[in-house]
């Protein structure tokens, strides 16, 4: 029992030391909703439901490099609002699975 107490004490010391190291480099991040305005491409048909929050989509050949399984938070119900949907031809997905956004119009300016 004495050895178990010593081991537990040393584990607590090691954990507190590691916590102090991570607390130095950790910072709290908060995002404003306006800055994170996602764009959607599609609509695509759901081929199967993998589990409660994961779905597989039927993607076109032009998006073959993109994994076809998505979390439900990445999906949006299809609504006939064409301003929210980007045509797939305009999205140039690179090999690194990233794309560059280009501004469409300047909405406001200040002098």
PDB file of N, CA and C in Angstrom:
ATOM      1  N   UNK A   1       0.823  -1.202   0.000  1.00  0.00           N
ATOM      2  CA  UNK A   1       0.000   0.000   0.000  1.00  0.00           C
ATOM      3  C   UNK A   1       0.866   1.265   0.000  1.00  0.00           C
ATOM      4  N   UNK A   2       2.002   1.154   0.648  1.00  0.00           N
ATOM      5  CA  UNK A   2       2.884   2.322   0.701  1.00  0.00           C
ATOM      6  C   UNK A   2       3.422   2.657  -0.691  1.00  0.00           C
ATOM      7  N   UNK A   3       3.749   1.617  -1.472  1.00  0.00           N
ATOM      8  CA  UNK A   3       4.256   1.844  -2.827  1.00  0.00           C
ATOM      9  C   UNK A   3       3.174   2.449  -3.721  1.00  0.00           C
ATOM     10  N   UNK A   4       1.931   2.016  -3.525  1.00  0.00           N
ATOM     11  CA  UNK A   4       0.822   2.546  -4.325  1.00  0.00           C
ATOM     12  C   UNK A   4       0.640   4.035  -4.031  1.00  0.00           C
ATOM     13  N   UNK A   5       0.735   4.426  -2.779  1.00  0.00           N
ATOM     14  CA  UNK A   5       0.615   5.841  -2.410  1.00  0.00           C
ATOM     15  C   UNK A   5       1.726   6.670  -3.045  1.00  0.00           C
ATOM     16  N   UNK A   6       2.949   6.138  -3.048  1.00  0.00           N
ATOM     17  CA  UNK A   6       4.085   6.840  -3.639  1.00  0.00           C
ATOM     18  C   UNK A   6       3.881   6.996  -5.145  1.00  0.00           C
ATOM     19  N   UNK A   7       3.409   5.935  -5.796  1.00  0.00           N
ATOM     20  CA  UNK A   7       3.180   5.980  -7.243  1.00  0.00           C
ATOM     21  C   UNK A   7       2.095   6.990  -7.577  1.00  0.00           C
ATOM     22  N   UNK A   8       1.002   6.978  -6.831  1.00  0.00           N
ATOM     23  CA  UNK A   8      -0.084   7.939  -7.079  1.00  0.00           C
ATOM     24  C   UNK A   8       0.396   9.374  -6.879  1.00  0.00           C
ATOM     25  N   UNK A   9       1.178   9.594  -5.878  1.00  0.00           N
ATOM     26  CA  UNK A   9       1.703  10.932  -5.613  1.00  0.00           C
ATOM     27  C   UNK A   9       2.605  11.405  -6.746  1.00  0.00           C
ATOM     28  N   UNK A  10       3.457  10.519  -7.246  1.00  0.00           N
ATOM     29  CA  UNK A  10       4.348  10.887  -8.351  1.00  0.00           C
ATOM     30  C   UNK A  10       3.569  11.130  -9.646  1.00  0.00           C
ATOM     31  N   UNK A  11       2.514  10.360  -9.867  1.00  0.00           N
ATOM     32  CA  UNK A  11       1.673  10.578 -11.052  1.00  0.00           C
ATOM     33  C   UNK A  11       0.996  11.942 -10.968  1.00  0.00           C
ATOM     34  N   UNK A  12       0.495  12.304  -9.791  1.00  0.00           N
ATOM     35  CA  UNK A  12      -0.136  13.623  -9.617  1.00  0.00           C
ATOM     36  C   UNK A  12       0.866  14.747  -9.858  1.00  0.00           C
ATOM     37  N   UNK A  13       2.068  14.581  -9.387  1.00  0.00           N
ATOM     38  CA  UNK A  13       3.113  15.591  -9.597  1.00  0.00           C
ATOM     39  C   UNK A  13       3.420  15.723 -11.080  1.00  0.00           C
ATOM     40  N   UNK A  14       3.546  14.603 -11.770  1.00  0.00           N
ATOM     41  CA  UNK A  14       3.832  14.637 -13.214  1.00  0.00           C
ATOM     42  C   UNK A  14       2.682  15.273 -13.987  1.00  0.00           C
ATOM     43  N   UNK A  15       1.446  14.959 -13.608  1.00  0.00           N
ATOM     44  CA  UNK A  15       0.284  15.549 -14.286  1.00  0.00           C
ATOM     45  C   UNK A  15       0.226  17.058 -14.076  1.00  0.00           C
ATOM     46  N   UNK A  16       0.492  17.512 -12.870  1.00  0.00           N
ATOM     47  CA  UNK A  16       0.442  18.955 -12.614  1.00  0.00           C
ATOM     48  C   UNK A  16       1.562  19.677 -13.360  1.00  0.00           C
ATOM     49  N   UNK A  17       2.714  19.048 -13.488  1.00  0.00           N
ATOM     50  CA  UNK A  17       3.817  19.641 -14.238  1.00  0.00           C
ATOM     51  C   UNK A  17       3.456  19.755 -15.718  1.00  0.00           C
ATOM     52  N   UNK A  18       2.893  18.680 -16.277  1.00  0.00           N
ATOM     53  CA  UNK A  18       2.485  18.710 -17.680  1.00  0.00           C
ATOM     54  C   UNK A  18       1.375  19.728 -17.918  1.00  0.00           C
ATOM     55  N   UNK A  19       0.456  19.852 -16.963  1.00  0.00           N
ATOM     56  CA  UNK A  19      -0.628  20.826 -17.093  1.00  0.00           C
ATOM     57  C   UNK A  19      -0.079  22.238 -17.103  1.00  0.00           C
ATOM     58  N   UNK A  20       0.907  22.512 -16.281  1.00  0.00           N
ATOM     59  CA  UNK A  20       1.482  23.863 -16.252  1.00  0.00           C
ATOM     60  C   UNK A  20       2.180  24.192 -17.573  1.00  0.00           C
ATOM     61  N   UNK A  21       2.812  23.193 -18.198  1.00  0.00           N
ATOM     62  CA  UNK A  21       3.456  23.423 -19.494  1.00  0.00           C
ATOM     63  C   UNK A  21       2.428  23.711 -20.583  1.00  0.00           C
ATOM     64  N   UNK A  22       1.321  22.959 -20.592  1.00  0.00           N
ATOM     65  CA  UNK A  22       0.309  23.178 -21.632  1.00  0.00           C
ATOM     66  C   UNK A  22      -0.468  24.462 -21.396  1.00  0.00           C
ATOM     67  N   UNK A  23      -0.659  24.846 -20.143  1.00  0.00           N
ATOM     68  CA  UNK A  23      -1.378  26.088 -19.873  1.00  0.00           C
ATOM     69  C   UNK A  23      -0.622  27.314 -20.379  1.00  0.00           C
ATOM     70  N   UNK A  24       0.694  27.232 -20.433  1.00  0.00           N
ATOM     71  CA  UNK A  24       1.494  28.357 -20.930  1.00  0.00           C
ATOM     72  C   UNK A  24       1.222  28.584 -22.414  1.00  0.00           C
ATOM     73  N   UNK A  25       1.170  27.508 -23.191  1.00  0.00           N
ATOM     74  CA  UNK A  25       1.005  27.654 -24.636  1.00  0.00           C
ATOM     75  C   UNK A  25      -0.453  27.653 -25.078  1.00  0.00           C
ATOM     76  N   UNK A  26      -1.371  27.319 -24.221  1.00  0.00           N
ATOM     77  CA  UNK A  26      -2.785  27.255 -24.584  1.00  0.00           C
ATOM     78  C   UNK A  26      -3.414  28.636 -24.450  1.00  0.00           C
ATOM     79  N   UNK A  27      -4.269  28.950 -25.408  1.00  0.00           N
ATOM     80  CA  UNK A  27      -5.005  30.201 -25.325  1.00  0.00           C
ATOM     81  C   UNK A  27      -6.443  29.941 -25.716  1.00  0.00           C
ATOM     82  N   UNK A  28      -7.327  30.667 -25.109  1.00  0.00           N
ATOM     83  CA  UNK A  28      -8.749  30.505 -25.382  1.00  0.00           C
ATOM     84  C   UNK A  28      -9.085  31.188 -26.699  1.00  0.00           C
ATOM     85  N   UNK A  29      -9.754  30.483 -27.574  1.00  0.00           N
ATOM     86  CA  UNK A  29     -10.148  31.032 -28.856  1.00  0.00           C
ATOM     87  C   UNK A  29     -11.662  31.124 -28.926  1.00  0.00           C
ATOM     88  N   UNK A  30     -12.139  32.242 -29.395  1.00  0.00           N
ATOM     89  CA  UNK A  30     -13.559  32.406 -29.644  1.00  0.00           C
ATOM     90  C   UNK A  30     -13.719  33.004 -31.025  1.00  0.00           C
ATOM     91  N   UNK A  31     -14.679  32.486 -31.764  1.00  0.00           N
ATOM     92  CA  UNK A  31     -14.916  32.977 -33.111  1.00  0.00           C
ATOM     93  C   UNK A  31     -16.257  33.678 -33.161  1.00  0.00           C
ATOM     94  N   UNK A  32     -16.300  34.749 -33.908  1.00  0.00           N
ATOM     95  CA  UNK A  32     -17.567  35.403 -34.132  1.00  0.00           C
ATOM     96  C   UNK A  32     -18.246  34.730 -35.295  1.00  0.00           C
ATOM     97  N   UNK A  33     -19.572  34.611 -35.200  1.00  0.00           N
ATOM     98  CA  UNK A  33     -20.312  33.878 -36.215  1.00  0.00           C
ATOM     99  C   UNK A  33     -20.192  34.524 -37.584  1.00  0.00           C
ATOM    100  N   UNK A  34     -20.117  35.850 -37.638  1.00  0.00           N
ATOM    101  CA  UNK A  34     -20.063  36.534 -38.922  1.00  0.00           C
ATOM    102  C   UNK A  34     -18.780  36.205 -39.676  1.00  0.00           C
ATOM    103  N   UNK A  35     -17.696  35.963 -38.961  1.00  0.00           N
ATOM    104  CA  UNK A  35     -16.420  35.685 -39.613  1.00  0.00           C
ATOM    105  C   UNK A  35     -16.368  34.279 -40.175  1.00  0.00           C
ATOM    106  N   UNK A  36     -17.155  33.397 -39.635  1.00  0.00           N
ATOM    107  CA  UNK A  36     -17.154  32.018 -40.096  1.00  0.00           C
ATOM    108  C   UNK A  36     -18.412  31.743 -40.910  1.00  0.00           C
ATOM    109  N   UNK A  37     -18.510  32.358 -42.059  1.00  0.00           N
ATOM    110  CA  UNK A  37     -19.681  32.128 -42.896  1.00  0.00           C
ATOM    111  C   UNK A  37     -19.342  31.075 -43.937  1.00  0.00           C
ATOM    112  N   UNK A  38     -19.775  29.835 -43.711  1.00  0.00           N
ATOM    113  CA  UNK A  38     -19.419  28.765 -44.640  1.00  0.00           C
ATOM    114  C   UNK A  38     -20.165  28.902 -45.960  1.00  0.00           C
ATOM    115  N   UNK A  39     -19.568  28.373 -46.995  1.00  0.00           N
ATOM    116  CA  UNK A  39     -20.218  28.313 -48.297  1.00  0.00           C
ATOM    117  C   UNK A  39     -20.550  26.871 -48.581  1.00  0.00           C
ATOM    118  N   UNK A  40     -21.609  26.688 -49.322  1.00  0.00           N
ATOM    119  CA  UNK A  40     -22.064  25.343 -49.620  1.00  0.00           C
ATOM    120  C   UNK A  40     -22.004  25.097 -51.116  1.00  0.00           C
ATOM    121  N   UNK A  41     -21.665  23.884 -51.471  1.00  0.00           N
ATOM    122  CA  UNK A  41     -21.747  23.458 -52.857  1.00  0.00           C
ATOM    123  C   UNK A  41     -22.742  22.316 -52.907  1.00  0.00           C
ATOM    124  N   UNK A  42     -23.399  22.188 -54.002  1.00  0.00           N
ATOM    125  CA  UNK A  42     -24.354  21.102 -54.062  1.00  0.00           C
ATOM    126  C   UNK A  42     -25.632  21.555 -54.713  1.00  0.00           C
ATOM    127  N   UNK A  43     -26.715  20.916 -54.522  1.00  0.00           N
ATOM    128  CA  UNK A  43     -27.037  19.855 -53.567  1.00  0.00           C
ATOM    129  C   UNK A  43     -26.644  18.472 -54.086  1.00  0.00           C
ATOM    130  N   UNK A  44     -26.415  17.553 -53.153  1.00  0.00           N
ATOM    131  CA  UNK A  44     -26.065  16.176 -53.480  1.00  0.00           C
ATOM    132  C   UNK A  44     -26.974  15.239 -52.712  1.00  0.00           C
ATOM    133  N   UNK A  45     -27.194  14.083 -53.283  1.00  0.00           N
ATOM    134  CA  UNK A  45     -28.056  13.082 -52.653  1.00  0.00           C
ATOM    135  C   UNK A  45     -27.279  12.319 -51.591  1.00  0.00           C
ATOM    136  N   UNK A  46     -27.976  11.983 -50.515  1.00  0.00           N
ATOM    137  CA  UNK A  46     -27.397  11.154 -49.459  1.00  0.00           C
ATOM    138  C   UNK A  46     -27.552   9.705 -49.890  1.00  0.00           C
ATOM    139  N   UNK A  47     -26.432   8.999 -50.026  1.00  0.00           N
ATOM    140  CA  UNK A  47     -26.495   7.601 -50.455  1.00  0.00           C
ATOM    141  C   UNK A  47     -26.777   6.662 -49.291  1.00  0.00           C
ATOM    142  N   UNK A  48     -26.188   6.960 -48.125  1.00  0.00           N
ATOM    143  CA  UNK A  48     -26.483   6.128 -46.953  1.00  0.00           C
ATOM    144  C   UNK A  48     -26.152   6.888 -45.680  1.00  0.00           C
ATOM    145  N   UNK A  49     -26.814   6.472 -44.623  1.00  0.00           N
ATOM    146  CA  UNK A  49     -26.566   7.014 -43.287  1.00  0.00           C
ATOM    147  C   UNK A  49     -25.665   6.026 -42.564  1.00  0.00           C
ATOM    148  N   UNK A  50     -24.458   6.480 -42.209  1.00  0.00           N
ATOM    149  CA  UNK A  50     -23.486   5.581 -41.591  1.00  0.00           C
ATOM    150  C   UNK A  50     -23.812   5.381 -40.115  1.00  0.00           C
ATOM    151  N   UNK A  51     -24.026   6.466 -39.401  1.00  0.00           N
ATOM    152  CA  UNK A  51     -24.540   6.385 -38.032  1.00  0.00           C
ATOM    153  C   UNK A  51     -25.375   7.635 -37.786  1.00  0.00           C
ATOM    154  N   UNK A  52     -25.648   7.951 -36.548  1.00  0.00           N
ATOM    155  CA  UNK A  52     -26.549   9.050 -36.237  1.00  0.00           C
ATOM    156  C   UNK A  52     -26.106  10.410 -36.728  1.00  0.00           C
ATOM    157  N   UNK A  53     -24.807  10.627 -36.877  1.00  0.00           N
ATOM    158  CA  UNK A  53     -24.309  11.951 -37.256  1.00  0.00           C
ATOM    159  C   UNK A  53     -23.408  11.929 -38.484  1.00  0.00           C
ATOM    160  N   UNK A  54     -23.298  10.799 -39.171  1.00  0.00           N
ATOM    161  CA  UNK A  54     -22.391  10.670 -40.309  1.00  0.00           C
ATOM    162  C   UNK A  54     -23.158  10.181 -41.533  1.00  0.00           C
ATOM    163  N   UNK A  55     -22.957  10.888 -42.656  1.00  0.00           N
ATOM    164  CA  UNK A  55     -23.664  10.557 -43.894  1.00  0.00           C
ATOM    165  C   UNK A  55     -22.679  10.456 -45.047  1.00  0.00           C
ATOM    166  N   UNK A  56     -23.007   9.592 -45.993  1.00  0.00           N
ATOM    167  CA  UNK A  56     -22.214   9.484 -47.211  1.00  0.00           C
ATOM    168  C   UNK A  56     -23.009  10.111 -48.348  1.00  0.00           C
ATOM    169  N   UNK A  57     -22.341  10.979 -49.127  1.00  0.00           N
ATOM    170  CA  UNK A  57     -22.998  11.697 -50.213  1.00  0.00           C
ATOM    171  C   UNK A  57     -22.561  11.143 -51.557  1.00  0.00           C
ATOM    172  N   UNK A  58     -23.419  11.313 -52.541  1.00  0.00           N
ATOM    173  CA  UNK A  58     -23.116  10.934 -53.913  1.00  0.00           C
ATOM    174  C   UNK A  58     -22.498  12.142 -54.598  1.00  0.00           C
ATOM    175  N   UNK A  59     -21.162  12.231 -54.595  1.00  0.00           N
ATOM    176  CA  UNK A  59     -20.450  13.372 -55.162  1.00  0.00           C
ATOM    177  C   UNK A  59     -20.136  13.132 -56.636  1.00  0.00           C
ATOM    178  N   UNK A  60     -20.050  14.206 -57.431  1.00  0.00           N
ATOM    179  CA  UNK A  60     -19.710  14.039 -58.841  1.00  0.00           C
ATOM    180  C   UNK A  60     -18.236  13.687 -59.021  1.00  0.00           C
ATOM    181  N   UNK A  61     -17.883  13.308 -60.240  1.00  0.00           N
ATOM    182  CA  UNK A  61     -16.516  12.898 -60.550  1.00  0.00           C
ATOM    183  C   UNK A  61     -15.540  14.056 -60.359  1.00  0.00           C
ATOM    184  N   UNK A  62     -15.996  15.295 -60.570  1.00  0.00           N
ATOM    185  CA  UNK A  62     -15.101  16.445 -60.411  1.00  0.00           C
ATOM    186  C   UNK A  62     -14.640  16.624 -58.972  1.00  0.00           C
ATOM    187  N   UNK A  63     -15.366  16.051 -58.016  1.00  0.00           N
ATOM    188  CA  UNK A  63     -14.976  16.108 -56.603  1.00  0.00           C
ATOM    189  C   UNK A  63     -14.486  14.753 -56.100  1.00  0.00           C
ATOM    190  N   UNK A  64     -13.867  13.995 -56.975  1.00  0.00           N
ATOM    191  CA  UNK A  64     -13.407  12.656 -56.612  1.00  0.00           C
ATOM    192  C   UNK A  64     -12.313  12.682 -55.550  1.00  0.00           C
ATOM    193  N   UNK A  65     -11.565  13.776 -55.472  1.00  0.00           N
ATOM    194  CA  UNK A  65     -10.492  13.854 -54.473  1.00  0.00           C
ATOM    195  C   UNK A  65     -11.013  14.177 -53.075  1.00  0.00           C
ATOM    196  N   UNK A  66     -12.285  14.516 -52.943  1.00  0.00           N
ATOM    197  CA  UNK A  66     -12.887  14.843 -51.649  1.00  0.00           C
ATOM    198  C   UNK A  66     -13.525  13.586 -51.075  1.00  0.00           C
ATOM    199  N   UNK A  67     -13.292  13.346 -49.788  1.00  0.00           N
ATOM    200  CA  UNK A  67     -13.881  12.190 -49.118  1.00  0.00           C
ATOM    201  C   UNK A  67     -15.396  12.369 -49.083  1.00  0.00           C
ATOM    202  N   UNK A  68     -16.157  11.329 -49.361  1.00  0.00           N
ATOM    203  CA  UNK A  68     -17.607  11.452 -49.522  1.00  0.00           C
ATOM    204  C   UNK A  68     -18.395  11.305 -48.232  1.00  0.00           C
ATOM    205  N   UNK A  69     -17.742  11.104 -47.093  1.00  0.00           N
ATOM    206  CA  UNK A  69     -18.427  10.948 -45.813  1.00  0.00           C
ATOM    207  C   UNK A  69     -18.289  12.243 -45.025  1.00  0.00           C
ATOM    208  N   UNK A  70     -19.435  12.766 -44.539  1.00  0.00           N
ATOM    209  CA  UNK A  70     -19.461  14.049 -43.848  1.00  0.00           C
ATOM    210  C   UNK A  70     -20.215  13.943 -42.538  1.00  0.00           C
ATOM    211  N   UNK A  71     -19.806  14.772 -41.583  1.00  0.00           N
ATOM    212  CA  UNK A  71     -20.527  14.922 -40.327  1.00  0.00           C
ATOM    213  C   UNK A  71     -21.760  15.769 -40.591  1.00  0.00           C
ATOM    214  N   UNK A  72     -22.798  15.552 -39.832  1.00  0.00           N
ATOM    215  CA  UNK A  72     -24.058  16.250 -40.058  1.00  0.00           C
ATOM    216  C   UNK A  72     -23.897  17.769 -39.910  1.00  0.00           C
ATOM    217  N   UNK A  73     -22.917  18.229 -39.148  1.00  0.00           N
ATOM    218  CA  UNK A  73     -22.705  19.670 -38.978  1.00  0.00           C
ATOM    219  C   UNK A  73     -22.186  20.325 -40.254  1.00  0.00           C
ATOM    220  N   UNK A  74     -21.641  19.529 -41.176  1.00  0.00           N
ATOM    221  CA  UNK A  74     -21.138  20.064 -42.439  1.00  0.00           C
ATOM    222  C   UNK A  74     -22.217  20.127 -43.510  1.00  0.00           C
ATOM    223  N   UNK A  75     -23.384  19.553 -43.235  1.00  0.00           N
ATOM    224  CA  UNK A  75     -24.455  19.480 -44.219  1.00  0.00           C
ATOM    225  C   UNK A  75     -25.524  20.527 -43.922  1.00  0.00           C
ATOM    226  N   UNK A  76     -26.269  20.875 -44.953  1.00  0.00           N
ATOM    227  CA  UNK A  76     -27.349  21.827 -44.799  1.00  0.00           C
ATOM    228  C   UNK A  76     -28.542  21.322 -45.598  1.00  0.00           C
ATOM    229  N   UNK A  77     -29.725  21.494 -45.046  1.00  0.00           N
ATOM    230  CA  UNK A  77     -30.932  21.063 -45.729  1.00  0.00           C
ATOM    231  C   UNK A  77     -31.080  21.826 -47.037  1.00  0.00           C
ATOM    232  N   UNK A  78     -31.489  21.131 -48.078  1.00  0.00           N
ATOM    233  CA  UNK A  78     -31.618  21.753 -49.400  1.00  0.00           C
ATOM    234  C   UNK A  78     -32.807  22.709 -49.405  1.00  0.00           C
ATOM    235  N   UNK A  79     -32.526  23.977 -49.648  1.00  0.00           N
ATOM    236  CA  UNK A  79     -33.541  25.019 -49.761  1.00  0.00           C
ATOM    237  C   UNK A  79     -33.310  25.698 -51.103  1.00  0.00           C
ATOM    238  N   UNK A  80     -34.362  26.068 -51.763  1.00  0.00           N
ATOM    239  CA  UNK A  80     -34.244  26.669 -53.089  1.00  0.00           C
ATOM    240  C   UNK A  80     -33.742  28.111 -53.018  1.00  0.00           C
ATOM    241  N   UNK A  81     -32.714  28.385 -52.239  1.00  0.00           N
ATOM    242  CA  UNK A  81     -32.088  29.705 -52.182  1.00  0.00           C
ATOM    243  C   UNK A  81     -30.745  29.593 -52.897  1.00  0.00           C
ATOM    244  N   UNK A  82     -30.706  29.998 -54.140  1.00  0.00           N
ATOM    245  CA  UNK A  82     -29.513  29.808 -54.964  1.00  0.00           C
ATOM    246  C   UNK A  82     -28.355  30.719 -54.567  1.00  0.00           C
ATOM    247  N   UNK A  83     -28.606  31.732 -53.747  1.00  0.00           N
ATOM    248  CA  UNK A  83     -27.502  32.601 -53.329  1.00  0.00           C
ATOM    249  C   UNK A  83     -26.583  31.900 -52.339  1.00  0.00           C
ATOM    250  N   UNK A  84     -27.060  30.846 -51.683  1.00  0.00           N
ATOM    251  CA  UNK A  84     -26.257  30.124 -50.703  1.00  0.00           C
ATOM    252  C   UNK A  84     -25.434  29.003 -51.313  1.00  0.00           C
ATOM    253  N   UNK A  85     -25.738  28.626 -52.541  1.00  0.00           N
ATOM    254  CA  UNK A  85     -25.108  27.459 -53.149  1.00  0.00           C
ATOM    255  C   UNK A  85     -24.162  27.901 -54.256  1.00  0.00           C
ATOM    256  N   UNK A  86     -22.944  27.373 -54.214  1.00  0.00           N
ATOM    257  CA  UNK A  86     -21.964  27.628 -55.266  1.00  0.00           C
ATOM    258  C   UNK A  86     -22.019  26.516 -56.298  1.00  0.00           C
ATOM    259  N   UNK A  87     -21.983  26.849 -57.576  1.00  0.00           N
ATOM    260  CA  UNK A  87     -21.885  25.779 -58.571  1.00  0.00           C
ATOM    261  C   UNK A  87     -20.528  25.086 -58.456  1.00  0.00           C
ATOM    262  N   UNK A  88     -20.520  23.792 -58.677  1.00  0.00           N
ATOM    263  CA  UNK A  88     -19.290  23.005 -58.513  1.00  0.00           C
ATOM    264  C   UNK A  88     -18.218  23.436 -59.493  1.00  0.00           C
ATOM    265  N   UNK A  89     -18.592  23.950 -60.642  1.00  0.00           N
ATOM    266  CA  UNK A  89     -17.606  24.359 -61.637  1.00  0.00           C
ATOM    267  C   UNK A  89     -16.751  25.523 -61.137  1.00  0.00           C
ATOM    268  N   UNK A  90     -17.306  26.348 -60.243  1.00  0.00           N
ATOM    269  CA  UNK A  90     -16.565  27.500 -59.739  1.00  0.00           C
ATOM    270  C   UNK A  90     -15.593  27.141 -58.632  1.00  0.00           C
ATOM    271  N   UNK A  91     -15.750  25.990 -58.019  1.00  0.00           N
ATOM    272  CA  UNK A  91     -14.880  25.582 -56.914  1.00  0.00           C
ATOM    273  C   UNK A  91     -13.763  24.725 -57.480  1.00  0.00           C
ATOM    274  N   UNK A  92     -12.550  25.239 -57.454  1.00  0.00           N
ATOM    275  CA  UNK A  92     -11.387  24.502 -57.951  1.00  0.00           C
ATOM    276  C   UNK A  92     -10.677  23.874 -56.759  1.00  0.00           C
ATOM    277  N   UNK A  93     -10.968  22.611 -56.509  1.00  0.00           N
ATOM    278  CA  UNK A  93     -10.359  21.907 -55.386  1.00  0.00           C
ATOM    279  C   UNK A  93      -8.979  21.452 -55.808  1.00  0.00           C
ATOM    280  N   UNK A  94      -7.966  21.856 -55.033  1.00  0.00           N
ATOM    281  CA  UNK A  94      -6.580  21.489 -55.324  1.00  0.00           C
ATOM    282  C   UNK A  94      -6.274  20.099 -54.763  1.00  0.00           C
ATOM    283  N   UNK A  95      -5.089  19.599 -55.052  1.00  0.00           N
ATOM    284  CA  UNK A  95      -4.677  18.299 -54.522  1.00  0.00           C
ATOM    285  C   UNK A  95      -4.570  18.310 -53.009  1.00  0.00           C
ATOM    286  N   UNK A  96      -4.317  19.474 -52.431  1.00  0.00           N
ATOM    287  CA  UNK A  96      -4.230  19.586 -50.976  1.00  0.00           C
ATOM    288  C   UNK A  96      -5.604  19.721 -50.333  1.00  0.00           C
ATOM    289  N   UNK A  97      -6.675  19.527 -51.137  1.00  0.00           N
ATOM    290  CA  UNK A  97      -8.064  19.633 -50.695  1.00  0.00           C
ATOM    291  C   UNK A  97      -8.391  21.011 -50.132  1.00  0.00           C
ATOM    292  N   UNK A  98      -7.833  22.043 -50.749  1.00  0.00           N
ATOM    293  CA  UNK A  98      -8.143  23.411 -50.372  1.00  0.00           C
ATOM    294  C   UNK A  98      -8.530  24.184 -51.622  1.00  0.00           C
ATOM    295  N   UNK A  99      -9.126  25.324 -51.426  1.00  0.00           N
ATOM    296  CA  UNK A  99      -9.487  26.169 -52.551  1.00  0.00           C
ATOM    297  C   UNK A  99      -9.343  27.624 -52.138  1.00  0.00           C
ATOM    298  N   UNK A 100      -9.221  28.499 -53.118  1.00  0.00           N
ATOM    299  CA  UNK A 100      -9.079  29.920 -52.854  1.00  0.00           C
ATOM    300  C   UNK A 100     -10.411  30.614 -53.086  1.00  0.00           C
ATOM    301  N   UNK A 101     -10.796  31.444 -52.129  1.00  0.00           N
ATOM    302  CA  UNK A 101     -12.011  32.222 -52.288  1.00  0.00           C
ATOM    303  C   UNK A 101     -11.673  33.528 -52.982  1.00  0.00           C
ATOM    304  N   UNK A 102     -12.496  33.887 -53.939  1.00  0.00           N
ATOM    305  CA  UNK A 102     -12.307  35.135 -54.649  1.00  0.00           C
ATOM    306  C   UNK A 102     -13.499  36.031 -54.375  1.00  0.00           C
ATOM    307  N   UNK A 103     -13.266  37.306 -54.083  1.00  0.00           N
ATOM    308  CA  UNK A 103     -14.391  38.201 -53.810  1.00  0.00           C
ATOM    309  C   UNK A 103     -15.239  38.415 -55.054  1.00  0.00           C
ATOM    310  N   UNK A 104     -16.550  38.458 -54.863  1.00  0.00           N
ATOM    311  CA  UNK A 104     -17.482  38.651 -55.969  1.00  0.00           C
ATOM    312  C   UNK A 104     -17.800  40.124 -56.134  1.00  0.00           C
ATOM    313  N   UNK A 105     -18.064  40.802 -55.009  1.00  0.00           N
ATOM    314  CA  UNK A 105     -18.411  42.225 -55.068  1.00  0.00           C
ATOM    315  C   UNK A 105     -17.984  42.896 -53.778  1.00  0.00           C
ATOM    316  N   UNK A 106     -17.695  44.174 -53.857  1.00  0.00           N
ATOM    317  CA  UNK A 106     -17.387  44.974 -52.664  1.00  0.00           C
ATOM    318  C   UNK A 106     -18.707  45.490 -52.138  1.00  0.00           C
ATOM    319  N   UNK A 107     -19.048  45.114 -50.925  1.00  0.00           N
ATOM    320  CA  UNK A 107     -20.336  45.480 -50.366  1.00  0.00           C
ATOM    321  C   UNK A 107     -20.309  46.804 -49.631  1.00  0.00           C
ATOM    322  N   UNK A 108     -19.161  47.182 -49.092  1.00  0.00           N
ATOM    323  CA  UNK A 108     -19.099  48.406 -48.298  1.00  0.00           C
ATOM    324  C   UNK A 108     -17.670  48.909 -48.298  1.00  0.00           C
ATOM    325  N   UNK A 109     -17.505  50.208 -48.117  1.00  0.00           N
ATOM    326  CA  UNK A 109     -16.167  50.772 -48.005  1.00  0.00           C
ATOM    327  C   UNK A 109     -16.227  52.013 -47.135  1.00  0.00           C
ATOM    328  N   UNK A 110     -15.080  52.378 -46.591  1.00  0.00           N
ATOM    329  CA  UNK A 110     -14.979  53.561 -45.746  1.00  0.00           C
ATOM    330  C   UNK A 110     -13.856  54.437 -46.273  1.00  0.00           C
ATOM    331  N   UNK A 111     -14.033  55.712 -46.148  1.00  0.00           N
ATOM    332  CA  UNK A 111     -13.012  56.663 -46.598  1.00  0.00           C
ATOM    333  C   UNK A 111     -12.318  57.235 -45.390  1.00  0.00           C
TER     334      UNK A 111
END
